[in-house]
Amino acid sequence: MNAPKKVAVAVAVGLLSILATVACNADKKLAAAQETAAILRIKTIQQAETQYYAQFGKYAASLSQLQDLIPADLASGKSNGYALSLTSRPNGFAVTAAPEPANPSSGRTFYSDETLAIRAESGAKAADATSPEIN
């Protein structure tokens, strides 16, 4: 291979390396933004549950029961690459946020309940009441 071709190959490899780094950083930033949005959505659900409890003396058992207190997209259970669900428990509620299958860049799941602590897990294990609390 002559010198100009070697330089061209080296430049191409360098450019591909830079593009791969930029793409990786963009994926990380997107995942962080989606996780932050999921946490904020959980906080919105917590506030709505508090209002619902004050009005009805019990917690809502589903997101649709909170539809007058939360944004419509959140009531649908999908928001910013996360699927959210709400279930009732004796004397409380549990809300979870898990990355949708079409959202592979986000890897953490989130959980909260009537204690209002938000907990997270990375990897295959879904967050639950025993997961580490996030600040």
N, C-alpha and C. Protein backbone atom coordinates (compact mmCIF):
# COMPACT_ATOMS: atom_id res chain seq x y z
N MET A 1 0.86 -1.17 0.00
CA MET A 1 0.00 0.00 0.00
C MET A 1 0.90 1.23 0.00
N ASN A 2 0.60 2.19 -0.87
CA ASN A 2 1.45 3.37 -0.93
C ASN A 2 1.07 4.35 0.19
N ALA A 3 1.89 5.35 0.38
CA ALA A 3 1.74 6.28 1.50
C ALA A 3 0.40 7.03 1.49
N PRO A 4 -0.06 7.58 0.34
CA PRO A 4 -1.34 8.30 0.36
C PRO A 4 -2.51 7.40 0.77
N LYS A 5 -2.49 6.14 0.33
CA LYS A 5 -3.57 5.22 0.71
C LYS A 5 -3.53 4.92 2.20
N LYS A 6 -2.32 4.77 2.75
CA LYS A 6 -2.18 4.51 4.18
C LYS A 6 -2.72 5.69 5.00
N VAL A 7 -2.43 6.89 4.54
CA VAL A 7 -2.92 8.09 5.23
C VAL A 7 -4.46 8.14 5.15
N ALA A 8 -5.00 7.85 3.99
CA ALA A 8 -6.46 7.87 3.82
C ALA A 8 -7.13 6.84 4.72
N VAL A 9 -6.55 5.65 4.82
CA VAL A 9 -7.10 4.60 5.69
C VAL A 9 -7.01 5.04 7.15
N ALA A 10 -5.87 5.62 7.53
CA ALA A 10 -5.70 6.08 8.92
C ALA A 10 -6.71 7.17 9.25
N VAL A 11 -6.94 8.09 8.33
CA VAL A 11 -7.91 9.17 8.54
C VAL A 11 -9.32 8.58 8.66
N ALA A 12 -9.66 7.65 7.79
CA ALA A 12 -10.98 7.02 7.83
C ALA A 12 -11.18 6.29 9.16
N VAL A 13 -10.20 5.55 9.63
CA VAL A 13 -10.30 4.85 10.90
C VAL A 13 -10.46 5.84 12.05
N GLY A 14 -9.69 6.92 11.98
CA GLY A 14 -9.79 7.96 13.01
C GLY A 14 -11.17 8.59 13.05
N LEU A 15 -11.71 8.91 11.88
CA LEU A 15 -13.05 9.49 11.80
C LEU A 15 -14.12 8.53 12.33
N LEU A 16 -14.01 7.27 11.97
CA LEU A 16 -14.97 6.28 12.48
C LEU A 16 -14.88 6.16 13.99
N SER A 17 -13.69 6.23 14.52
CA SER A 17 -13.51 6.17 15.97
C SER A 17 -14.16 7.36 16.66
N ILE A 18 -13.98 8.54 16.08
CA ILE A 18 -14.59 9.75 16.64
C ILE A 18 -16.11 9.66 16.56
N LEU A 19 -16.63 9.23 15.43
CA LEU A 19 -18.09 9.09 15.28
C LEU A 19 -18.67 8.08 16.26
N ALA A 20 -17.96 6.99 16.48
CA ALA A 20 -18.43 5.98 17.44
C ALA A 20 -18.45 6.55 18.85
N THR A 21 -17.44 7.33 19.20
CA THR A 21 -17.39 7.95 20.53
C THR A 21 -18.54 8.94 20.70
N VAL A 22 -18.79 9.76 19.69
CA VAL A 22 -19.89 10.73 19.75
C VAL A 22 -21.23 10.01 19.89
N ALA A 23 -21.42 8.95 19.12
CA ALA A 23 -22.68 8.19 19.19
C ALA A 23 -22.86 7.57 20.57
N CYS A 24 -21.79 7.04 21.13
CA CYS A 24 -21.86 6.43 22.47
C CYS A 24 -22.22 7.47 23.51
N ASN A 25 -21.59 8.65 23.43
CA ASN A 25 -21.90 9.72 24.37
C ASN A 25 -23.34 10.20 24.21
N ALA A 26 -23.82 10.27 22.99
CA ALA A 26 -25.21 10.68 22.75
C ALA A 26 -26.17 9.67 23.35
N ASP A 27 -25.88 8.37 23.22
CA ASP A 27 -26.74 7.34 23.82
C ASP A 27 -26.77 7.48 25.33
N LYS A 28 -25.62 7.75 25.94
CA LYS A 28 -25.56 7.90 27.40
C LYS A 28 -26.36 9.11 27.85
N LYS A 29 -26.25 10.20 27.11
CA LYS A 29 -26.99 11.41 27.47
C LYS A 29 -28.49 11.20 27.29
N LEU A 30 -28.88 10.52 26.23
CA LEU A 30 -30.29 10.22 26.01
C LEU A 30 -30.82 9.34 27.14
N ALA A 31 -30.07 8.31 27.52
CA ALA A 31 -30.49 7.42 28.60
C ALA A 31 -30.64 8.20 29.91
N ALA A 32 -29.70 9.08 30.20
CA ALA A 32 -29.77 9.88 31.43
C ALA A 32 -31.00 10.79 31.40
N ALA A 33 -31.28 11.39 30.26
CA ALA A 33 -32.46 12.26 30.15
C ALA A 33 -33.75 11.46 30.31
N GLN A 34 -33.81 10.28 29.73
CA GLN A 34 -35.01 9.45 29.86
C GLN A 34 -35.20 8.97 31.29
N GLU A 35 -34.11 8.64 31.97
CA GLU A 35 -34.21 8.23 33.37
C GLU A 35 -34.68 9.38 34.24
N THR A 36 -34.16 10.57 34.00
CA THR A 36 -34.60 11.74 34.76
C THR A 36 -36.08 12.00 34.53
N ALA A 37 -36.52 11.87 33.29
CA ALA A 37 -37.94 12.06 32.98
C ALA A 37 -38.80 11.01 33.69
N ALA A 38 -38.33 9.76 33.74
CA ALA A 38 -39.09 8.70 34.43
C ALA A 38 -39.21 9.01 35.92
N ILE A 39 -38.14 9.49 36.53
CA ILE A 39 -38.17 9.84 37.95
C ILE A 39 -39.16 10.99 38.19
N LEU A 40 -39.14 11.99 37.31
CA LEU A 40 -40.08 13.10 37.45
C LEU A 40 -41.53 12.63 37.27
N ARG A 41 -41.74 11.68 36.37
CA ARG A 41 -43.09 11.14 36.17
C ARG A 41 -43.56 10.39 37.42
N ILE A 42 -42.65 9.66 38.05
CA ILE A 42 -43.01 8.97 39.30
C ILE A 42 -43.40 9.99 40.36
N LYS A 43 -42.67 11.08 40.44
CA LYS A 43 -43.00 12.13 41.42
C LYS A 43 -44.37 12.73 41.13
N THR A 44 -44.70 12.88 39.85
CA THR A 44 -46.02 13.38 39.47
C THR A 44 -47.11 12.40 39.95
N ILE A 45 -46.86 11.11 39.77
CA ILE A 45 -47.83 10.10 40.22
C ILE A 45 -47.94 10.12 41.74
N GLN A 46 -46.82 10.27 42.44
CA GLN A 46 -46.87 10.35 43.90
C GLN A 46 -47.76 11.50 44.36
N GLN A 47 -47.58 12.67 43.75
CA GLN A 47 -48.39 13.83 44.11
C GLN A 47 -49.87 13.59 43.81
N ALA A 48 -50.13 12.99 42.67
CA ALA A 48 -51.52 12.69 42.31
C ALA A 48 -52.14 11.70 43.28
N GLU A 49 -51.38 10.70 43.69
CA GLU A 49 -51.89 9.73 44.66
C GLU A 49 -52.20 10.41 46.00
N THR A 50 -51.37 11.35 46.41
CA THR A 50 -51.62 12.08 47.65
C THR A 50 -52.92 12.87 47.53
N GLN A 51 -53.14 13.53 46.40
CA GLN A 51 -54.38 14.27 46.18
C GLN A 51 -55.59 13.34 46.13
N TYR A 52 -55.43 12.23 45.44
CA TYR A 52 -56.51 11.24 45.31
C TYR A 52 -56.89 10.72 46.69
N TYR A 53 -55.88 10.40 47.50
CA TYR A 53 -56.13 9.89 48.85
C TYR A 53 -56.87 10.93 49.70
N ALA A 54 -56.45 12.17 49.59
CA ALA A 54 -57.11 13.24 50.35
C ALA A 54 -58.57 13.39 49.95
N GLN A 55 -58.88 13.18 48.70
CA GLN A 55 -60.25 13.33 48.21
C GLN A 55 -61.12 12.11 48.46
N PHE A 56 -60.56 10.90 48.28
CA PHE A 56 -61.37 9.69 48.33
C PHE A 56 -61.09 8.77 49.52
N GLY A 57 -60.05 9.07 50.30
CA GLY A 57 -59.73 8.24 51.46
C GLY A 57 -59.09 6.90 51.11
N LYS A 58 -58.64 6.77 49.89
CA LYS A 58 -57.94 5.56 49.44
C LYS A 58 -57.03 5.94 48.28
N TYR A 59 -56.08 5.07 47.97
CA TYR A 59 -55.19 5.32 46.85
C TYR A 59 -55.81 4.80 45.56
N ALA A 60 -55.48 5.45 44.46
CA ALA A 60 -55.94 4.99 43.14
C ALA A 60 -55.26 3.66 42.83
N ALA A 61 -55.97 2.80 42.13
CA ALA A 61 -55.45 1.48 41.78
C ALA A 61 -54.87 1.43 40.38
N SER A 62 -55.07 2.49 39.59
CA SER A 62 -54.55 2.49 38.22
C SER A 62 -54.29 3.93 37.78
N LEU A 63 -53.48 4.05 36.76
CA LEU A 63 -53.19 5.38 36.22
C LEU A 63 -54.45 6.03 35.66
N SER A 64 -55.35 5.23 35.10
CA SER A 64 -56.57 5.80 34.53
C SER A 64 -57.44 6.46 35.61
N GLN A 65 -57.37 5.97 36.85
CA GLN A 65 -58.12 6.62 37.93
C GLN A 65 -57.55 7.99 38.27
N LEU A 66 -56.31 8.24 37.87
CA LEU A 66 -55.66 9.52 38.14
C LEU A 66 -55.72 10.45 36.93
N GLN A 67 -56.46 10.08 35.90
CA GLN A 67 -56.41 10.81 34.64
C GLN A 67 -56.76 12.29 34.76
N ASP A 68 -57.53 12.67 35.76
CA ASP A 68 -57.85 14.09 35.94
C ASP A 68 -56.76 14.83 36.70
N LEU A 69 -55.79 14.10 37.23
CA LEU A 69 -54.74 14.71 38.04
C LEU A 69 -53.35 14.66 37.39
N ILE A 70 -53.23 13.89 36.31
CA ILE A 70 -51.92 13.74 35.65
C ILE A 70 -52.07 14.01 34.15
N PRO A 71 -50.96 14.30 33.47
CA PRO A 71 -51.03 14.52 32.02
C PRO A 71 -51.55 13.28 31.28
N ALA A 72 -52.21 13.51 30.17
CA ALA A 72 -52.82 12.42 29.40
C ALA A 72 -51.81 11.37 28.96
N ASP A 73 -50.61 11.80 28.54
CA ASP A 73 -49.63 10.81 28.09
C ASP A 73 -49.20 9.92 29.25
N LEU A 74 -49.15 10.47 30.44
CA LEU A 74 -48.78 9.67 31.61
C LEU A 74 -49.90 8.71 31.98
N ALA A 75 -51.13 9.15 31.85
CA ALA A 75 -52.27 8.27 32.13
C ALA A 75 -52.30 7.07 31.20
N SER A 76 -51.69 7.20 30.02
CA SER A 76 -51.63 6.08 29.07
C SER A 76 -50.62 5.03 29.50
N GLY A 77 -49.71 5.40 30.42
CA GLY A 77 -48.73 4.45 30.92
C GLY A 77 -47.42 4.43 30.16
N LYS A 78 -47.26 5.33 29.20
CA LYS A 78 -46.01 5.38 28.44
C LYS A 78 -45.52 6.82 28.40
N SER A 79 -44.23 6.99 28.68
CA SER A 79 -43.68 8.33 28.68
C SER A 79 -42.17 8.29 28.48
N ASN A 80 -41.68 8.98 27.48
CA ASN A 80 -40.25 9.16 27.25
C ASN A 80 -39.46 7.86 27.26
N GLY A 81 -39.96 6.84 26.60
CA GLY A 81 -39.22 5.58 26.50
C GLY A 81 -39.40 4.65 27.68
N TYR A 82 -40.30 4.98 28.59
CA TYR A 82 -40.56 4.15 29.76
C TYR A 82 -42.03 3.76 29.81
N ALA A 83 -42.28 2.55 30.28
CA ALA A 83 -43.63 2.08 30.55
C ALA A 83 -43.84 2.21 32.06
N LEU A 84 -44.90 2.91 32.45
CA LEU A 84 -45.20 3.12 33.86
C LEU A 84 -46.46 2.35 34.22
N SER A 85 -46.47 1.80 35.42
CA SER A 85 -47.67 1.10 35.88
C SER A 85 -47.90 1.43 37.34
N LEU A 86 -49.17 1.39 37.71
CA LEU A 86 -49.59 1.69 39.07
C LEU A 86 -50.48 0.57 39.54
N THR A 87 -50.20 0.08 40.74
CA THR A 87 -51.05 -0.96 41.33
C THR A 87 -51.38 -0.56 42.76
N SER A 88 -52.51 -1.06 43.22
CA SER A 88 -52.87 -0.79 44.61
C SER A 88 -52.36 -1.92 45.49
N ARG A 89 -52.13 -1.57 46.72
CA ARG A 89 -51.72 -2.53 47.75
C ARG A 89 -52.55 -2.22 48.98
N PRO A 90 -52.65 -3.14 49.91
CA PRO A 90 -53.37 -2.80 51.14
C PRO A 90 -52.74 -1.55 51.77
N ASN A 91 -53.51 -0.53 51.95
CA ASN A 91 -53.07 0.73 52.55
C ASN A 91 -51.96 1.43 51.76
N GLY A 92 -51.90 1.23 50.47
CA GLY A 92 -50.88 1.91 49.70
C GLY A 92 -50.96 1.68 48.21
N PHE A 93 -49.89 2.00 47.53
CA PHE A 93 -49.78 1.85 46.09
C PHE A 93 -48.34 1.53 45.73
N ALA A 94 -48.14 1.05 44.54
CA ALA A 94 -46.79 0.83 44.00
C ALA A 94 -46.78 1.31 42.56
N VAL A 95 -45.76 2.07 42.22
CA VAL A 95 -45.60 2.56 40.85
C VAL A 95 -44.23 2.10 40.35
N THR A 96 -44.21 1.60 39.13
CA THR A 96 -42.96 1.16 38.52
C THR A 96 -42.77 1.85 37.17
N ALA A 97 -41.51 2.01 36.82
CA ALA A 97 -41.15 2.55 35.51
C ALA A 97 -40.04 1.65 34.96
N ALA A 98 -40.31 1.07 33.80
CA ALA A 98 -39.34 0.17 33.16
C ALA A 98 -39.11 0.62 31.73
N PRO A 99 -37.86 0.55 31.26
CA PRO A 99 -37.60 0.92 29.87
C PRO A 99 -38.43 0.06 28.92
N GLU A 100 -38.98 0.70 27.92
CA GLU A 100 -39.73 -0.05 26.91
C GLU A 100 -38.74 -0.86 26.08
N PRO A 101 -39.21 -1.96 25.50
CA PRO A 101 -38.31 -2.79 24.68
C PRO A 101 -37.65 -2.00 23.55
N ALA A 102 -38.34 -1.01 23.04
CA ALA A 102 -37.78 -0.22 21.94
C ALA A 102 -36.80 0.85 22.45
N ASN A 103 -36.50 0.81 23.75
CA ASN A 103 -35.63 1.81 24.37
C ASN A 103 -34.44 1.13 25.04
N PRO A 104 -33.57 0.50 24.26
CA PRO A 104 -32.48 -0.28 24.86
C PRO A 104 -31.40 0.56 25.52
N SER A 105 -31.35 1.87 25.26
CA SER A 105 -30.28 2.67 25.82
C SER A 105 -30.45 2.92 27.31
N SER A 106 -31.68 2.86 27.80
CA SER A 106 -31.92 3.04 29.23
C SER A 106 -31.96 1.68 29.90
N GLY A 107 -31.22 1.54 30.97
CA GLY A 107 -31.12 0.24 31.59
C GLY A 107 -31.68 0.15 32.99
N ARG A 108 -32.03 1.27 33.61
CA ARG A 108 -32.51 1.21 34.99
C ARG A 108 -34.02 1.16 35.06
N THR A 109 -34.51 0.41 36.04
CA THR A 109 -35.94 0.41 36.35
C THR A 109 -36.12 1.15 37.66
N PHE A 110 -37.32 1.68 37.88
CA PHE A 110 -37.60 2.47 39.06
C PHE A 110 -38.86 1.97 39.75
N TYR A 111 -38.91 2.20 41.06
CA TYR A 111 -40.04 1.76 41.89
C TYR A 111 -40.27 2.81 42.97
N SER A 112 -41.53 3.02 43.29
CA SER A 112 -41.88 3.85 44.44
C SER A 112 -43.21 3.36 44.99
N ASP A 113 -43.49 3.76 46.21
CA ASP A 113 -44.76 3.40 46.85
C ASP A 113 -45.18 4.54 47.77
N GLU A 114 -46.11 4.26 48.65
CA GLU A 114 -46.65 5.30 49.52
C GLU A 114 -45.61 5.92 50.45
N THR A 115 -44.44 5.31 50.59
CA THR A 115 -43.37 5.92 51.39
C THR A 115 -42.74 7.10 50.66
N LEU A 116 -42.97 7.20 49.36
CA LEU A 116 -42.48 8.24 48.47
C LEU A 116 -40.98 8.14 48.17
N ALA A 117 -40.33 7.11 48.67
CA ALA A 117 -38.94 6.86 48.30
C ALA A 117 -38.92 6.31 46.88
N ILE A 118 -37.94 6.74 46.09
CA ILE A 118 -37.78 6.21 44.74
C ILE A 118 -36.56 5.30 44.74
N ARG A 119 -36.75 4.10 44.24
CA ARG A 119 -35.71 3.08 44.25
C ARG A 119 -35.38 2.68 42.82
N ALA A 120 -34.15 2.21 42.61
CA ALA A 120 -33.72 1.87 41.24
C ALA A 120 -32.89 0.60 41.24
N GLU A 121 -32.93 -0.07 40.10
CA GLU A 121 -32.10 -1.25 39.83
C GLU A 121 -31.56 -1.13 38.41
N SER A 122 -30.35 -1.61 38.22
CA SER A 122 -29.76 -1.70 36.89
C SER A 122 -29.74 -3.16 36.47
N GLY A 123 -29.76 -3.38 35.19
CA GLY A 123 -29.67 -4.75 34.69
C GLY A 123 -31.02 -5.44 34.62
N ALA A 124 -30.99 -6.76 34.74
CA ALA A 124 -32.19 -7.57 34.51
C ALA A 124 -33.18 -7.51 35.68
N LYS A 125 -32.72 -7.24 36.90
CA LYS A 125 -33.61 -7.23 38.06
C LYS A 125 -34.48 -5.97 38.05
N ALA A 126 -35.78 -6.16 38.19
CA ALA A 126 -36.69 -5.02 38.25
C ALA A 126 -36.63 -4.39 39.64
N ALA A 127 -36.72 -3.08 39.70
CA ALA A 127 -36.70 -2.38 40.97
C ALA A 127 -37.93 -2.75 41.79
N ASP A 128 -37.76 -2.84 43.11
CA ASP A 128 -38.86 -3.13 44.02
C ASP A 128 -38.60 -2.44 45.36
N ALA A 129 -39.39 -2.77 46.37
CA ALA A 129 -39.31 -2.12 47.67
C ALA A 129 -37.98 -2.35 48.37
N THR A 130 -37.22 -3.36 47.94
CA THR A 130 -35.93 -3.65 48.57
C THR A 130 -34.74 -3.07 47.80
N SER A 131 -35.00 -2.44 46.69
CA SER A 131 -33.94 -1.87 45.86
C SER A 131 -33.33 -0.64 46.54
N PRO A 132 -32.12 -0.28 46.16
CA PRO A 132 -31.49 0.89 46.75
C PRO A 132 -32.26 2.17 46.42
N GLU A 133 -32.38 3.03 47.42
CA GLU A 133 -33.06 4.31 47.23
C GLU A 133 -32.12 5.27 46.51
N ILE A 134 -32.70 6.06 45.59
CA ILE A 134 -31.90 7.08 44.91
C ILE A 134 -32.15 8.42 45.58
N ASN A 135 -31.21 9.31 45.45
CA ASN A 135 -31.34 10.65 46.06
C ASN A 135 -31.84 11.64 45.06
